[in-house]
Amino acid sequence: MKEPFTFEPGRVVESIQGRDKGNFFLVMEAAEGIVTIADGRRHKLENPKKKKTKHLRAKPVLLDLKALRPEGGALQNSDLRRALEANGFAEERS
């Protein structure tokens, strides 16, 4: 089945395979069949997760990574967490 959305930097994705199944991430970089993802909590910007695109489901939300840090400077993990929560992809905490 063809994915209706492309895996490009800034795309919100859901993991459908692996131990992080059901969690939401932002695509940081995309290559042929493999992307690097981060959520600012489990997989931080310093050590993003490499994952095959067949193990991810792309969501219709595409964020501008540069706009996540309006005051300038480097993107931070808190920016990723805030962006995911603001778009309804908050992590469920116990």
Protein backbone atom coordinates (compact mmCIF):
# COMPACT_ATOMS: atom_id res chain seq x y z
CA MET A 1 0.00 0.00 0.00
CA LYS A 2 1.36 3.41 -0.95
CA GLU A 3 1.72 5.99 1.82
CA PRO A 4 -0.47 9.03 1.08
CA PHE A 5 2.11 11.39 2.64
CA THR A 6 5.83 11.69 1.98
CA PHE A 7 8.50 11.25 4.63
CA GLU A 8 10.16 14.65 4.60
CA PRO A 9 11.80 16.65 7.41
CA GLY A 10 9.15 18.05 9.72
CA ARG A 11 6.54 15.34 9.03
CA VAL A 12 4.84 13.84 12.10
CA VAL A 13 4.99 10.04 11.99
CA GLU A 14 3.65 7.22 14.15
CA SER A 15 5.72 4.12 14.79
CA ILE A 16 3.79 0.97 13.85
CA GLN A 17 6.56 -1.56 14.55
CA GLY A 18 9.18 -2.07 17.25
CA ARG A 19 9.33 -1.29 20.92
CA ASP A 20 8.33 2.32 20.29
CA LYS A 21 5.09 1.23 18.57
CA GLY A 22 2.26 3.76 18.96
CA ASN A 23 4.55 6.71 19.71
CA PHE A 24 4.77 9.87 17.62
CA PHE A 25 7.96 11.43 16.27
CA LEU A 26 9.16 14.15 13.92
CA VAL A 27 11.23 13.26 10.86
CA MET A 28 14.60 14.98 11.08
CA GLU A 29 16.24 13.64 7.90
CA ALA A 30 14.99 11.45 5.08
CA ALA A 31 16.85 9.14 2.72
CA GLU A 32 15.69 6.34 0.43
CA GLY A 33 13.63 4.01 2.63
CA ILE A 34 15.20 5.17 5.92
CA VAL A 35 14.51 8.25 8.04
CA THR A 36 15.91 9.59 11.29
CA ILE A 37 13.27 10.48 13.85
CA ALA A 38 13.27 12.25 17.20
CA ASP A 39 10.66 13.19 19.79
CA GLY A 40 12.77 15.09 22.32
CA ARG A 41 12.12 12.54 25.05
CA ARG A 42 13.16 8.96 24.22
CA HIS A 43 15.01 9.79 21.02
CA LYS A 44 16.66 13.16 21.38
CA LEU A 45 18.21 15.40 18.76
CA GLU A 46 21.69 14.36 19.88
CA ASN A 47 20.92 10.69 19.17
CA PRO A 48 17.97 10.35 16.75
CA LYS A 49 16.57 6.94 15.84
CA LYS A 50 17.06 5.50 12.36
CA LYS A 51 13.95 3.68 11.21
CA LYS A 52 12.72 2.15 7.96
CA THR A 53 9.79 3.95 6.42
CA LYS A 54 7.80 0.71 6.17
CA HIS A 55 7.69 0.71 9.99
CA LEU A 56 6.19 4.21 10.16
CA ARG A 57 2.83 5.77 9.32
CA ALA A 58 3.01 9.36 8.11
CA LYS A 59 0.44 11.78 9.52
CA PRO A 60 -1.01 14.77 7.62
CA VAL A 61 0.85 17.25 9.83
CA LEU A 62 3.98 18.82 8.34
CA LEU A 63 5.84 21.31 10.56
CA ASP A 64 8.50 23.80 9.55
CA LEU A 65 11.48 22.81 11.71
CA LYS A 66 13.00 26.30 11.46
CA ALA A 67 9.77 27.88 12.73
CA LEU A 68 9.85 25.73 15.88
CA ARG A 69 12.59 28.00 17.21
CA PRO A 70 11.28 31.52 16.41
CA GLU A 71 13.89 33.34 18.49
CA GLY A 72 16.67 31.73 16.44
CA GLY A 73 19.44 29.43 17.54
CA ALA A 74 19.66 25.67 17.42
CA LEU A 75 16.60 23.45 17.66
CA GLN A 76 16.20 21.90 21.12
CA ASN A 77 14.47 18.80 22.46
CA SER A 78 11.91 20.94 24.29
CA ASP A 79 10.93 22.49 20.93
CA LEU A 80 10.14 19.02 19.55
CA ARG A 81 8.09 18.06 22.61
CA ARG A 82 6.18 21.34 22.53
CA ALA A 83 5.42 21.02 18.80
CA LEU A 84 4.12 17.46 19.14
CA GLU A 85 1.93 18.38 22.11
CA ALA A 86 0.57 21.50 20.39
CA ASN A 87 -0.58 19.40 17.42
CA GLY A 88 -2.34 16.77 19.52
CA PHE A 89 0.38 14.13 19.54
CA ALA A 90 1.13 14.34 23.25
CA GLU A 91 2.73 11.44 25.02
CA GLU A 92 0.46 9.70 27.49
CA ARG A 93 2.07 9.81 30.90
CA SER A 94 1.18 7.58 33.82
